[in-house]
Amino acid sequence: MNWIKTYQFAHPQFLWLLLLIPLLAVFYAYYKSKKHNTLRISTIEGFNGVESGYLPKLGWFYTLLRLSALTLFIIALARPQLSSEADSYIEHHKEGIDIVIALDASGSMLALDFKPNRFEAAKEVAKEFVANRKNDRIGLVIFEGEAYTQCPLTSDKKIVMELIDEAEQGVVTEGTAIGMGLATAVNRLRESKAKSKVVILLTDGVNNSGKIHPLAAAEIAKQFNIRVYTIGIGTNGKAKTPVAIDPFTGKYIYDYVDVEIDEETLKQISKMTGGQYFRATDNKKLKEIYQEIDKLEKDKIKTIEYEVDLPEKSFPFLLIGFLLILLEFTLKSTIFKSIS
C-alpha cells in the first residue's frame, strides 16, 4: 500500500463516493437474480446431454468492469497529486532589498511648482519606482504633524501602488514631523532580515512637529544599518502655495511663498546613514533622482519559493476507466451479447 502514501488529493471529500461501489454491487446482484423469468415444463429429458458452457457463468464480468471504471472516475474526481513533491522547494538568488518610502503630506506639498502639485507628482514618481523594483519588498509611511504607516513591507507591488494612490493630505494634524516620519519608517525596517535596508525620505520643508528630532531618528537608522536617501522637493525661490481656505467655496487660496527646505539636516541624515541627499526642483528632476536611487540600490537576498502546483495524476485514472468502459461495451456487443 506504499503507493497510497505517495498521493494526496486536492478534493478528498469526493472519495466518500467510493462507499457507493459495494452498494451498487449488491444492487446489480439483486437485479440479476430477478431479471430471469421462471419457465415451468413437465420434464427436462429433452435437455439431457446439452452443456450450458462457460459464458453464462461469466456474465458478472462486465458488471465488474463497470464498477471498476466508476471507482477510477471517483478517484480522478478527487484530483490525486504526488505528495512526495509537496515538501520540495526552489531556492532563488534574486536582486532585492527592503525599502520604505517616507512621504511628506503637509499642506505645503500642495504647492503648484510641480504638476499637478508636489504631493501628486511625488506619488506618481514613487509608483513608477515601485513598478521597476520587481524583487523588493516596499512599504509606505506618510507624515504631516504626525506619522503613520500607509502600507507595511510587502512584495505585492500592485497593493503598494494602490495604497500610494489612496494616500491623502490632511489625514492627521498639520505640520512637518520629519523626525517622526523617519522614525516610523525605521520601525518598519528594524526587524527586517534583508541584507540591505533603505528609507527614501521626501520632504519640502523644515521639521516643526513631532517628539523625535530628525537627527535622533537618523541615529536610530544608523544603529539598524538602514541607509536613508533624502530628497528635498521644491523649486528655487518662491512657489505658488496654499495659504488659506476660502470660507465660501471651500477651495484653497494660493499665494507665492518662499521655498524653505532644511537641506543641512537632510544632508546630515543621509551622511550619517550612508545614504545620499538629492534636490528635486521639477517633475523631471524628481524622476531622475528615483532612477539614480534605483541604480544605487542593488543587493542579493535569498528567497525560498515553495512548490504549490503539485503534479496532477488524474489522467491515468481517467484513461484506464474509459478503457474499461470500452472493454465492457465491446464484450457486451460480441462475446456476451447473447447473455447480457
C-alpha atoms as a PDB file:
ATOM      1  CA  MET A   1       0.000   0.000   0.000  1.00  0.00           C
ATOM      2  CA  ASN A   2       3.023   2.306  -0.250  1.00  0.00           C
ATOM      3  CA  TRP A   3       1.627   3.778  -3.476  1.00  0.00           C
ATOM      4  CA  ILE A   4      -1.241   5.317  -1.491  1.00  0.00           C
ATOM      5  CA  LYS A   5       1.239   7.257   0.655  1.00  0.00           C
ATOM      6  CA  THR A   6       2.714   8.881  -2.438  1.00  0.00           C
ATOM      7  CA  TYR A   7      -0.597  10.527  -3.305  1.00  0.00           C
ATOM      8  CA  GLN A   8      -2.573  13.329  -1.774  1.00  0.00           C
ATOM      9  CA  PHE A   9      -5.908  14.610  -3.025  1.00  0.00           C
ATOM     10  CA  ALA A  10      -6.934  18.162  -3.851  1.00  0.00           C
ATOM     11  CA  HIS A  11     -10.623  17.295  -3.245  1.00  0.00           C
ATOM     12  CA  PRO A  12     -10.586  14.301  -0.839  1.00  0.00           C
ATOM     13  CA  GLN A  13     -14.278  14.759   0.007  1.00  0.00           C
ATOM     14  CA  PHE A  14     -15.188  13.066  -3.276  1.00  0.00           C
ATOM     15  CA  LEU A  15     -13.617   9.822  -2.024  1.00  0.00           C
ATOM     16  CA  TRP A  16     -16.729   9.309   0.133  1.00  0.00           C
ATOM     17  CA  LEU A  17     -18.459   8.384  -3.140  1.00  0.00           C
ATOM     18  CA  LEU A  18     -16.472   5.134  -3.080  1.00  0.00           C
ATOM     19  CA  LEU A  19     -18.975   3.906  -0.469  1.00  0.00           C
ATOM     20  CA  LEU A  20     -21.474   3.642  -3.330  1.00  0.00           C
ATOM     21  CA  ILE A  21     -19.456   0.899  -5.036  1.00  0.00           C
ATOM     22  CA  PRO A  22     -20.377  -2.002  -2.671  1.00  0.00           C
ATOM     23  CA  LEU A  23     -23.988  -0.763  -2.618  1.00  0.00           C
ATOM     24  CA  LEU A  24     -24.109  -0.843  -6.414  1.00  0.00           C
ATOM     25  CA  ALA A  25     -22.556  -4.322  -6.418  1.00  0.00           C
ATOM     26  CA  VAL A  26     -25.364  -5.561  -4.149  1.00  0.00           C
ATOM     27  CA  PHE A  27     -27.937  -3.827  -6.363  1.00  0.00           C
ATOM     28  CA  TYR A  28     -26.556  -5.442  -9.550  1.00  0.00           C
ATOM     29  CA  ALA A  29     -26.549  -8.890  -7.895  1.00  0.00           C
ATOM     30  CA  TYR A  30     -30.155  -8.456  -6.790  1.00  0.00           C
ATOM     31  CA  TYR A  31     -31.173  -7.137 -10.222  1.00  0.00           C
ATOM     32  CA  LYS A  32     -29.567 -10.124 -11.976  1.00  0.00           C
ATOM     33  CA  SER A  33     -31.381 -12.582  -9.714  1.00  0.00           C
ATOM     34  CA  LYS A  34     -34.756 -11.017 -10.561  1.00  0.00           C
ATOM     35  CA  LYS A  35     -34.089 -10.492 -14.258  1.00  0.00           C
ATOM     36  CA  HIS A  36     -34.707 -14.066 -15.482  1.00  0.00           C
ATOM     37  CA  ASN A  37     -38.326 -15.383 -15.514  1.00  0.00           C
ATOM     38  CA  THR A  38     -39.195 -18.924 -14.446  1.00  0.00           C
ATOM     39  CA  LEU A  39     -40.475 -21.341 -17.111  1.00  0.00           C
ATOM     40  CA  ARG A  40     -42.354 -24.399 -15.876  1.00  0.00           C
ATOM     41  CA  ILE A  41     -42.097 -27.575 -18.051  1.00  0.00           C
ATOM     42  CA  SER A  42     -43.237 -31.111 -17.385  1.00  0.00           C
ATOM     43  CA  THR A  43     -39.846 -32.732 -17.992  1.00  0.00           C
ATOM     44  CA  ILE A  44     -36.230 -31.854 -18.835  1.00  0.00           C
ATOM     45  CA  GLU A  45     -35.452 -35.105 -20.567  1.00  0.00           C
ATOM     46  CA  GLY A  46     -35.106 -33.302 -23.874  1.00  0.00           C
ATOM     47  CA  PHE A  47     -32.195 -31.226 -22.500  1.00  0.00           C
ATOM     48  CA  ASN A  48     -30.124 -34.211 -21.450  1.00  0.00           C
ATOM     49  CA  GLY A  49     -26.576 -34.020 -22.812  1.00  0.00           C
ATOM     50  CA  VAL A  50     -26.765 -30.246 -23.521  1.00  0.00           C
ATOM     51  CA  GLU A  51     -23.976 -28.325 -21.803  1.00  0.00           C
ATOM     52  CA  SER A  52     -24.511 -24.707 -20.838  1.00  0.00           C
ATOM     53  CA  GLY A  53     -20.850 -23.682 -21.419  1.00  0.00           C
ATOM     54  CA  TYR A  54     -18.785 -21.175 -19.511  1.00  0.00           C
ATOM     55  CA  LEU A  55     -20.058 -17.882 -20.983  1.00  0.00           C
ATOM     56  CA  PRO A  56     -23.246 -17.637 -18.906  1.00  0.00           C
ATOM     57  CA  LYS A  57     -21.141 -18.070 -15.787  1.00  0.00           C
ATOM     58  CA  LEU A  58     -19.049 -15.006 -16.753  1.00  0.00           C
ATOM     59  CA  GLY A  59     -21.995 -12.621 -17.071  1.00  0.00           C
ATOM     60  CA  TRP A  60     -20.870 -10.845 -13.901  1.00  0.00           C
ATOM     61  CA  PHE A  61     -17.569  -9.859 -15.552  1.00  0.00           C
ATOM     62  CA  TYR A  62     -18.813  -6.778 -17.406  1.00  0.00           C
ATOM     63  CA  THR A  63     -20.539  -5.588 -14.221  1.00  0.00           C
ATOM     64  CA  LEU A  64     -17.155  -5.775 -12.520  1.00  0.00           C
ATOM     65  CA  LEU A  65     -15.656  -3.722 -15.347  1.00  0.00           C
ATOM     66  CA  ARG A  66     -18.339  -1.071 -14.944  1.00  0.00           C
ATOM     67  CA  LEU A  67     -17.842  -0.791 -11.174  1.00  0.00           C
ATOM     68  CA  SER A  68     -14.063  -0.681 -11.560  1.00  0.00           C
ATOM     69  CA  ALA A  69     -14.365   2.152 -14.087  1.00  0.00           C
ATOM     70  CA  LEU A  70     -16.671   4.066 -11.744  1.00  0.00           C
ATOM     71  CA  THR A  71     -14.140   3.627  -8.919  1.00  0.00           C
ATOM     72  CA  LEU A  72     -11.376   5.078 -11.093  1.00  0.00           C
ATOM     73  CA  PHE A  73     -13.584   8.024 -12.130  1.00  0.00           C
ATOM     74  CA  ILE A  74     -14.281   8.858  -8.480  1.00  0.00           C
ATOM     75  CA  ILE A  75     -10.558   8.786  -7.663  1.00  0.00           C
ATOM     76  CA  ALA A  76      -9.876  11.072 -10.630  1.00  0.00           C
ATOM     77  CA  LEU A  77     -12.594  13.441  -9.411  1.00  0.00           C
ATOM     78  CA  ALA A  78     -10.735  13.756  -6.075  1.00  0.00           C
ATOM     79  CA  ARG A  79      -7.700  15.002  -8.080  1.00  0.00           C
ATOM     80  CA  PRO A  80      -4.797  12.787  -6.938  1.00  0.00           C
ATOM     81  CA  GLN A  81      -1.416  14.550  -6.733  1.00  0.00           C
ATOM     82  CA  LEU A  82       2.089  13.325  -5.979  1.00  0.00           C
ATOM     83  CA  SER A  83       2.609  14.162  -2.310  1.00  0.00           C
ATOM     84  CA  SER A  84       6.260  13.133  -2.475  1.00  0.00           C
ATOM     85  CA  GLU A  85       6.914  16.518  -4.102  1.00  0.00           C
ATOM     86  CA  ALA A  86       4.787  18.534  -1.686  1.00  0.00           C
ATOM     87  CA  ASP A  87       7.666  19.454   0.585  1.00  0.00           C
ATOM     88  CA  SER A  88      10.096  20.397  -2.150  1.00  0.00           C
ATOM     89  CA  TYR A  89      11.083  23.996  -2.700  1.00  0.00           C
ATOM     90  CA  ILE A  90      13.150  26.054  -5.066  1.00  0.00           C
ATOM     91  CA  GLU A  91      15.796  28.499  -3.890  1.00  0.00           C
ATOM     92  CA  HIS A  92      16.434  31.580  -5.974  1.00  0.00           C
ATOM     93  CA  HIS A  93      19.021  34.315  -5.601  1.00  0.00           C
ATOM     94  CA  LYS A  94      17.258  37.497  -6.636  1.00  0.00           C
ATOM     95  CA  GLU A  95      18.234  41.141  -6.696  1.00  0.00           C
ATOM     96  CA  GLY A  96      16.182  42.705  -3.919  1.00  0.00           C
ATOM     97  CA  ILE A  97      16.108  44.860  -0.814  1.00  0.00           C
ATOM     98  CA  ASP A  98      13.608  46.182   1.741  1.00  0.00           C
ATOM     99  CA  ILE A  99      12.604  49.789   1.081  1.00  0.00           C
ATOM    100  CA  VAL A 100      10.264  52.159   2.916  1.00  0.00           C
ATOM    101  CA  ILE A 101       9.217  55.408   1.252  1.00  0.00           C
ATOM    102  CA  ALA A 102       8.551  58.174   3.806  1.00  0.00           C
ATOM    103  CA  LEU A 103       6.418  60.805   2.063  1.00  0.00           C
ATOM    104  CA  ASP A 104       5.675  64.309   3.351  1.00  0.00           C
ATOM    105  CA  ALA A 105       1.953  65.136   3.085  1.00  0.00           C
ATOM    106  CA  SER A 106       1.979  68.541   4.785  1.00  0.00           C
ATOM    107  CA  GLY A 107      -0.073  71.437   3.391  1.00  0.00           C
ATOM    108  CA  SER A 108       2.871  72.936   1.513  1.00  0.00           C
ATOM    109  CA  MET A 109       3.083  69.729  -0.553  1.00  0.00           C
ATOM    110  CA  LEU A 110       0.086  71.096  -2.476  1.00  0.00           C
ATOM    111  CA  ALA A 111       2.290  73.854  -3.956  1.00  0.00           C
ATOM    112  CA  LEU A 112       1.964  74.197  -7.714  1.00  0.00           C
ATOM    113  CA  ASP A 113       5.656  74.354  -8.702  1.00  0.00           C
ATOM    114  CA  PHE A 114       5.248  70.667  -9.677  1.00  0.00           C
ATOM    115  CA  LYS A 115       2.483  69.349 -11.934  1.00  0.00           C
ATOM    116  CA  PRO A 116      -0.241  68.981 -10.789  1.00  0.00           C
ATOM    117  CA  ASN A 117       1.314  69.690  -7.343  1.00  0.00           C
ATOM    118  CA  ARG A 118       4.239  68.399  -5.275  1.00  0.00           C
ATOM    119  CA  PHE A 119       2.243  65.719  -3.486  1.00  0.00           C
ATOM    120  CA  GLU A 120       0.657  64.182  -6.596  1.00  0.00           C
ATOM    121  CA  ALA A 121       3.933  64.409  -8.542  1.00  0.00           C
ATOM    122  CA  ALA A 122       5.754  62.616  -5.708  1.00  0.00           C
ATOM    123  CA  LYS A 123       3.096  59.885  -5.695  1.00  0.00           C
ATOM    124  CA  GLU A 124       3.330  59.330  -9.455  1.00  0.00           C
ATOM    125  CA  VAL A 125       7.124  59.047  -9.465  1.00  0.00           C
ATOM    126  CA  ALA A 126       7.011  56.763  -6.411  1.00  0.00           C
ATOM    127  CA  LYS A 127       4.608  54.426  -8.254  1.00  0.00           C
ATOM    128  CA  GLU A 128       6.974  54.252 -11.232  1.00  0.00           C
ATOM    129  CA  PHE A 129       9.825  53.443  -8.861  1.00  0.00           C
ATOM    130  CA  VAL A 130       7.805  50.662  -7.184  1.00  0.00           C
ATOM    131  CA  ALA A 131       6.828  49.151 -10.540  1.00  0.00           C
ATOM    132  CA  ASN A 132      10.506  48.892 -11.550  1.00  0.00           C
ATOM    133  CA  ARG A 133      11.657  47.227  -8.297  1.00  0.00           C
ATOM    134  CA  LYS A 134      10.439  43.748  -9.206  1.00  0.00           C
ATOM    135  CA  ASN A 135      12.133  41.771  -6.444  1.00  0.00           C
ATOM    136  CA  ASP A 136      11.960  44.169  -3.490  1.00  0.00           C
ATOM    137  CA  ARG A 137       9.655  44.442  -0.534  1.00  0.00           C
ATOM    138  CA  ILE A 138       8.373  48.011  -0.287  1.00  0.00           C
ATOM    139  CA  GLY A 139       6.412  49.907   2.358  1.00  0.00           C
ATOM    140  CA  LEU A 140       4.972  53.421   2.622  1.00  0.00           C
ATOM    141  CA  VAL A 141       4.927  55.886   5.541  1.00  0.00           C
ATOM    142  CA  ILE A 142       3.037  59.197   5.392  1.00  0.00           C
ATOM    143  CA  PHE A 143       3.869  62.085   7.699  1.00  0.00           C
ATOM    144  CA  GLU A 144       2.481  65.530   8.440  1.00  0.00           C
ATOM    145  CA  GLY A 145       2.384  66.739  12.060  1.00  0.00           C
ATOM    146  CA  GLU A 146       2.330  63.016  12.903  1.00  0.00           C
ATOM    147  CA  ALA A 147       3.389  59.887  11.008  1.00  0.00           C
ATOM    148  CA  TYR A 148       1.561  56.685  10.160  1.00  0.00           C
ATOM    149  CA  THR A 149       2.130  53.565   8.063  1.00  0.00           C
ATOM    150  CA  GLN A 150       0.097  53.627   4.872  1.00  0.00           C
ATOM    151  CA  CYS A 151       1.480  50.272   3.663  1.00  0.00           C
ATOM    152  CA  PRO A 152       3.664  47.765   5.561  1.00  0.00           C
ATOM    153  CA  LEU A 153       6.519  45.996   3.797  1.00  0.00           C
ATOM    154  CA  THR A 154       5.171  43.773   1.045  1.00  0.00           C
ATOM    155  CA  SER A 155       6.329  42.216  -2.220  1.00  0.00           C
ATOM    156  CA  ASP A 156       2.878  42.817  -3.758  1.00  0.00           C
ATOM    157  CA  LYS A 157       3.630  45.798  -5.979  1.00  0.00           C
ATOM    158  CA  LYS A 158       0.007  46.197  -7.016  1.00  0.00           C
ATOM    159  CA  ILE A 159      -1.063  46.724  -3.406  1.00  0.00           C
ATOM    160  CA  VAL A 160       1.758  49.224  -2.789  1.00  0.00           C
ATOM    161  CA  MET A 161       0.828  51.279  -5.863  1.00  0.00           C
ATOM    162  CA  GLU A 162      -2.867  51.245  -4.921  1.00  0.00           C
ATOM    163  CA  LEU A 163      -2.063  52.497  -1.425  1.00  0.00           C
ATOM    164  CA  ILE A 164       0.214  55.203  -2.827  1.00  0.00           C
ATOM    165  CA  ASP A 165      -2.717  56.304  -4.975  1.00  0.00           C
ATOM    166  CA  GLU A 166      -5.017  56.359  -1.936  1.00  0.00           C
ATOM    167  CA  ALA A 167      -2.623  58.443   0.200  1.00  0.00           C
ATOM    168  CA  GLU A 168      -4.175  61.792   1.103  1.00  0.00           C
ATOM    169  CA  GLN A 169      -3.069  65.100   2.513  1.00  0.00           C
ATOM    170  CA  GLY A 170      -4.673  66.365   5.739  1.00  0.00           C
ATOM    171  CA  VAL A 171      -5.352  62.989   7.391  1.00  0.00           C
ATOM    172  CA  VAL A 172      -3.602  63.876  10.678  1.00  0.00           C
ATOM    173  CA  THR A 173      -2.598  67.116  12.406  1.00  0.00           C
ATOM    174  CA  GLU A 174      -0.896  69.831  10.384  1.00  0.00           C
ATOM    175  CA  GLY A 175       2.847  70.257  10.447  1.00  0.00           C
ATOM    176  CA  THR A 176       6.051  68.668   9.180  1.00  0.00           C
ATOM    177  CA  ALA A 177       7.326  65.954  11.511  1.00  0.00           C
ATOM    178  CA  ILE A 178      10.387  64.782   9.582  1.00  0.00           C
ATOM    179  CA  GLY A 179      11.832  63.020  12.630  1.00  0.00           C
ATOM    180  CA  MET A 180       8.592  61.129  13.268  1.00  0.00           C
ATOM    181  CA  GLY A 181       8.332  60.156   9.597  1.00  0.00           C
ATOM    182  CA  LEU A 182      11.873  58.783   9.568  1.00  0.00           C
ATOM    183  CA  ALA A 183      11.468  57.019  12.923  1.00  0.00           C
ATOM    184  CA  THR A 184       8.250  55.329  11.761  1.00  0.00           C
ATOM    185  CA  ALA A 185       9.970  54.154   8.565  1.00  0.00           C
ATOM    186  CA  VAL A 186      12.913  52.803  10.590  1.00  0.00           C
ATOM    187  CA  ASN A 187      10.475  50.970  12.858  1.00  0.00           C
ATOM    188  CA  ARG A 188       9.027  49.170   9.823  1.00  0.00           C
ATOM    189  CA  LEU A 189      12.538  48.020   8.850  1.00  0.00           C
ATOM    190  CA  ARG A 190      14.216  47.268  12.174  1.00  0.00           C
ATOM    191  CA  GLU A 191      13.113  43.601  12.232  1.00  0.00           C
ATOM    192  CA  SER A 192      13.817  43.042   8.550  1.00  0.00           C
ATOM    193  CA  LYS A 193      16.225  40.187   7.778  1.00  0.00           C
ATOM    194  CA  ALA A 194      17.226  41.680   4.434  1.00  0.00           C
ATOM    195  CA  LYS A 195      20.910  42.387   3.948  1.00  0.00           C
ATOM    196  CA  SER A 196      20.068  45.817   2.555  1.00  0.00           C
ATOM    197  CA  LYS A 197      17.506  48.159   4.160  1.00  0.00           C
ATOM    198  CA  VAL A 198      16.672  51.602   2.780  1.00  0.00           C
ATOM    199  CA  VAL A 199      14.466  54.594   3.569  1.00  0.00           C
ATOM    200  CA  ILE A 200      13.652  57.158   0.876  1.00  0.00           C
ATOM    201  CA  LEU A 201      12.524  60.295   2.722  1.00  0.00           C
ATOM    202  CA  LEU A 202      10.926  63.095   0.721  1.00  0.00           C
ATOM    203  CA  THR A 203      10.005  66.458   2.215  1.00  0.00           C
ATOM    204  CA  ASP A 204       9.555  70.095   1.162  1.00  0.00           C
ATOM    205  CA  GLY A 205      10.059  71.833   4.495  1.00  0.00           C
ATOM    206  CA  VAL A 206      11.582  72.116   7.925  1.00  0.00           C
ATOM    207  CA  ASN A 207      10.910  69.866  10.905  1.00  0.00           C
ATOM    208  CA  ASN A 208       8.414  71.733  13.123  1.00  0.00           C
ATOM    209  CA  SER A 209       6.375  68.950  14.755  1.00  0.00           C
ATOM    210  CA  GLY A 210       6.746  65.618  16.485  1.00  0.00           C
ATOM    211  CA  LYS A 211       8.591  64.351  19.541  1.00  0.00           C
ATOM    212  CA  ILE A 212      11.644  62.955  17.711  1.00  0.00           C
ATOM    213  CA  HIS A 213      14.339  65.141  16.199  1.00  0.00           C
ATOM    214  CA  PRO A 214      15.329  64.155  12.644  1.00  0.00           C
ATOM    215  CA  LEU A 215      18.979  63.574  13.638  1.00  0.00           C
ATOM    216  CA  ALA A 216      17.902  61.375  16.573  1.00  0.00           C
ATOM    217  CA  ALA A 217      15.842  59.302  14.122  1.00  0.00           C
ATOM    218  CA  ALA A 218      18.881  59.153  11.818  1.00  0.00           C
ATOM    219  CA  GLU A 219      20.976  57.818  14.686  1.00  0.00           C
ATOM    220  CA  ILE A 220      18.410  55.034  15.219  1.00  0.00           C
ATOM    221  CA  ALA A 221      18.532  54.229  11.493  1.00  0.00           C
ATOM    222  CA  LYS A 222      22.315  54.015  11.694  1.00  0.00           C
ATOM    223  CA  GLN A 223      22.114  51.535  14.586  1.00  0.00           C
ATOM    224  CA  PHE A 224      19.949  49.238  12.452  1.00  0.00           C
ATOM    225  CA  ASN A 225      22.185  49.601   9.345  1.00  0.00           C
ATOM    226  CA  ILE A 226      19.463  51.403   7.428  1.00  0.00           C
ATOM    227  CA  ARG A 227      20.550  53.762   4.662  1.00  0.00           C
ATOM    228  CA  VAL A 228      18.469  56.902   4.240  1.00  0.00           C
ATOM    229  CA  TYR A 229      18.204  58.723   0.937  1.00  0.00           C
ATOM    230  CA  THR A 230      16.744  62.190   1.483  1.00  0.00           C
ATOM    231  CA  ILE A 231      15.008  64.268  -1.180  1.00  0.00           C
ATOM    232  CA  GLY A 232      14.223  67.955  -0.832  1.00  0.00           C
ATOM    233  CA  ILE A 233      11.352  68.815  -3.161  1.00  0.00           C
ATOM    234  CA  GLY A 234      10.568  72.375  -4.266  1.00  0.00           C
ATOM    235  CA  THR A 235      11.677  74.972  -6.752  1.00  0.00           C
ATOM    236  CA  ASN A 236      14.297  77.596  -6.020  1.00  0.00           C
ATOM    237  CA  GLY A 237      12.863  80.910  -4.818  1.00  0.00           C
ATOM    238  CA  LYS A 238       9.102  81.209  -4.419  1.00  0.00           C
ATOM    239  CA  ALA A 239       6.286  78.773  -5.214  1.00  0.00           C
ATOM    240  CA  LYS A 240       2.527  79.177  -5.502  1.00  0.00           C
ATOM    241  CA  THR A 241       1.398  77.569  -2.247  1.00  0.00           C
ATOM    242  CA  PRO A 242      -1.996  77.260  -0.465  1.00  0.00           C
ATOM    243  CA  VAL A 243      -2.142  79.774   2.401  1.00  0.00           C
ATOM    244  CA  ALA A 244      -5.813  79.595   3.414  1.00  0.00           C
ATOM    245  CA  ILE A 245      -9.222  78.125   2.531  1.00  0.00           C
ATOM    246  CA  ASP A 246     -11.980  80.285   1.065  1.00  0.00           C
ATOM    247  CA  PRO A 247     -14.871  80.056   3.574  1.00  0.00           C
ATOM    248  CA  PHE A 248     -17.443  80.447   0.795  1.00  0.00           C
ATOM    249  CA  THR A 249     -16.112  77.989  -1.808  1.00  0.00           C
ATOM    250  CA  GLY A 250     -14.051  75.662   0.409  1.00  0.00           C
ATOM    251  CA  LYS A 251     -11.197  75.929  -2.106  1.00  0.00           C
ATOM    252  CA  TYR A 252      -7.574  76.763  -1.350  1.00  0.00           C
ATOM    253  CA  ILE A 253      -6.341  80.338  -1.682  1.00  0.00           C
ATOM    254  CA  TYR A 254      -2.851  80.400  -3.185  1.00  0.00           C
ATOM    255  CA  ASP A 255      -0.030  82.901  -2.848  1.00  0.00           C
ATOM    256  CA  TYR A 256       3.667  82.922  -3.697  1.00  0.00           C
ATOM    257  CA  VAL A 257       5.654  81.738  -0.676  1.00  0.00           C
ATOM    258  CA  ASP A 258       9.404  81.302  -0.149  1.00  0.00           C
ATOM    259  CA  VAL A 259      10.538  77.685  -0.505  1.00  0.00           C
ATOM    260  CA  GLU A 260      12.291  76.699   2.729  1.00  0.00           C
ATOM    261  CA  ILE A 261      13.877  73.251   2.868  1.00  0.00           C
ATOM    262  CA  ASP A 262      16.180  72.245   5.734  1.00  0.00           C
ATOM    263  CA  GLU A 263      18.794  70.919   3.346  1.00  0.00           C
ATOM    264  CA  GLU A 264      21.503  70.925   6.000  1.00  0.00           C
ATOM    265  CA  THR A 265      19.582  68.480   8.205  1.00  0.00           C
ATOM    266  CA  LEU A 266      18.642  66.292   5.245  1.00  0.00           C
ATOM    267  CA  LYS A 267      22.305  66.133   4.199  1.00  0.00           C
ATOM    268  CA  GLN A 268      23.345  65.160   7.725  1.00  0.00           C
ATOM    269  CA  ILE A 269      20.745  62.398   7.838  1.00  0.00           C
ATOM    270  CA  SER A 270      21.968  60.863   4.580  1.00  0.00           C
ATOM    271  CA  LYS A 271      25.640  61.227   5.560  1.00  0.00           C
ATOM    272  CA  MET A 272      25.111  59.595   8.981  1.00  0.00           C
ATOM    273  CA  THR A 273      23.392  56.569   7.464  1.00  0.00           C
ATOM    274  CA  GLY A 274      25.487  56.064   4.322  1.00  0.00           C
ATOM    275  CA  GLY A 275      22.819  57.419   2.000  1.00  0.00           C
ATOM    276  CA  GLN A 276      22.713  60.472  -0.236  1.00  0.00           C
ATOM    277  CA  TYR A 277      20.858  63.789  -0.454  1.00  0.00           C
ATOM    278  CA  PHE A 278      19.083  64.956  -3.628  1.00  0.00           C
ATOM    279  CA  ARG A 279      17.279  68.158  -4.570  1.00  0.00           C
ATOM    280  CA  ALA A 280      14.268  67.963  -6.892  1.00  0.00           C
ATOM    281  CA  THR A 281      13.198  71.272  -8.453  1.00  0.00           C
ATOM    282  CA  ASP A 282      10.716  69.902 -11.009  1.00  0.00           C
ATOM    283  CA  ASN A 283       8.975  66.712 -12.130  1.00  0.00           C
ATOM    284  CA  LYS A 284      11.780  65.668 -14.461  1.00  0.00           C
ATOM    285  CA  LYS A 285      14.468  66.081 -11.803  1.00  0.00           C
ATOM    286  CA  LEU A 286      12.414  64.115  -9.261  1.00  0.00           C
ATOM    287  CA  LYS A 287      12.057  61.239 -11.724  1.00  0.00           C
ATOM    288  CA  GLU A 288      15.806  61.292 -12.407  1.00  0.00           C
ATOM    289  CA  ILE A 289      16.504  61.120  -8.649  1.00  0.00           C
ATOM    290  CA  TYR A 290      14.402  57.982  -8.229  1.00  0.00           C
ATOM    291  CA  GLN A 291      16.153  56.463 -11.245  1.00  0.00           C
ATOM    292  CA  GLU A 292      19.518  57.238  -9.622  1.00  0.00           C
ATOM    293  CA  ILE A 293      18.447  55.600  -6.352  1.00  0.00           C
ATOM    294  CA  ASP A 294      17.232  52.614  -8.352  1.00  0.00           C
ATOM    295  CA  LYS A 295      20.733  52.209  -9.832  1.00  0.00           C
ATOM    296  CA  LEU A 296      22.460  52.671  -6.470  1.00  0.00           C
ATOM    297  CA  GLU A 297      20.431  50.070  -4.662  1.00  0.00           C
ATOM    298  CA  LYS A 298      21.104  46.515  -5.793  1.00  0.00           C
ATOM    299  CA  ASP A 299      21.680  43.684  -3.344  1.00  0.00           C
ATOM    300  CA  LYS A 300      21.202  39.923  -3.304  1.00  0.00           C
ATOM    301  CA  ILE A 301      18.843  38.179  -0.951  1.00  0.00           C
ATOM    302  CA  LYS A 302      17.795  34.540  -0.930  1.00  0.00           C
ATOM    303  CA  THR A 303      14.123  33.763  -1.428  1.00  0.00           C
ATOM    304  CA  ILE A 304      12.551  30.343  -0.988  1.00  0.00           C
ATOM    305  CA  GLU A 305       9.547  29.593  -3.188  1.00  0.00           C
ATOM    306  CA  TYR A 306       7.505  26.593  -2.097  1.00  0.00           C
ATOM    307  CA  GLU A 307       6.100  24.461  -4.895  1.00  0.00           C
ATOM    308  CA  VAL A 308       2.316  24.748  -4.647  1.00  0.00           C
ATOM    309  CA  ASP A 309       1.316  23.386  -8.050  1.00  0.00           C
ATOM    310  CA  LEU A 310       1.736  19.667  -7.373  1.00  0.00           C
ATOM    311  CA  PRO A 311       1.801  17.278 -10.354  1.00  0.00           C
ATOM    312  CA  GLU A 312      -1.737  16.223 -11.278  1.00  0.00           C
ATOM    313  CA  LYS A 313      -2.214  12.461 -11.675  1.00  0.00           C
ATOM    314  CA  SER A 314      -5.899  12.281 -12.581  1.00  0.00           C
ATOM    315  CA  PHE A 315      -5.336  11.422 -16.236  1.00  0.00           C
ATOM    316  CA  PRO A 316      -4.129   7.803 -15.764  1.00  0.00           C
ATOM    317  CA  PHE A 317      -7.217   7.026 -13.675  1.00  0.00           C
ATOM    318  CA  LEU A 318      -9.500   8.590 -16.297  1.00  0.00           C
ATOM    319  CA  LEU A 319      -7.743   6.767 -19.142  1.00  0.00           C
ATOM    320  CA  ILE A 320      -7.947   3.324 -17.518  1.00  0.00           C
ATOM    321  CA  GLY A 321     -11.573   3.990 -16.562  1.00  0.00           C
ATOM    322  CA  PHE A 322     -12.511   4.811 -20.159  1.00  0.00           C
ATOM    323  CA  LEU A 323     -10.647   1.730 -21.406  1.00  0.00           C
ATOM    324  CA  LEU A 324     -12.642  -0.458 -19.003  1.00  0.00           C
ATOM    325  CA  ILE A 325     -15.894   1.102 -20.244  1.00  0.00           C
ATOM    326  CA  LEU A 326     -14.783   0.491 -23.830  1.00  0.00           C
ATOM    327  CA  LEU A 327     -13.913  -3.129 -22.980  1.00  0.00           C
ATOM    328  CA  GLU A 328     -17.316  -3.647 -21.359  1.00  0.00           C
ATOM    329  CA  PHE A 329     -19.092  -2.230 -24.403  1.00  0.00           C
ATOM    330  CA  THR A 330     -17.028  -4.412 -26.741  1.00  0.00           C
ATOM    331  CA  LEU A 331     -17.720  -7.590 -24.753  1.00  0.00           C
ATOM    332  CA  LYS A 332     -21.446  -6.886 -24.488  1.00  0.00           C
ATOM    333  CA  SER A 333     -21.584  -6.313 -28.241  1.00  0.00           C
ATOM    334  CA  THR A 334     -19.709  -9.515 -29.091  1.00  0.00           C
ATOM    335  CA  ILE A 335     -18.940 -12.388 -26.715  1.00  0.00           C
ATOM    336  CA  PHE A 336     -21.526 -11.574 -24.046  1.00  0.00           C
ATOM    337  CA  LYS A 337     -24.192 -10.346 -26.457  1.00  0.00           C
ATOM    338  CA  SER A 338     -26.391 -13.407 -26.023  1.00  0.00           C
ATOM    339  CA  ILE A 339     -26.272 -13.419 -22.216  1.00  0.00           C
ATOM    340  CA  SER A 340     -26.424  -9.722 -21.343  1.00  0.00           C
END
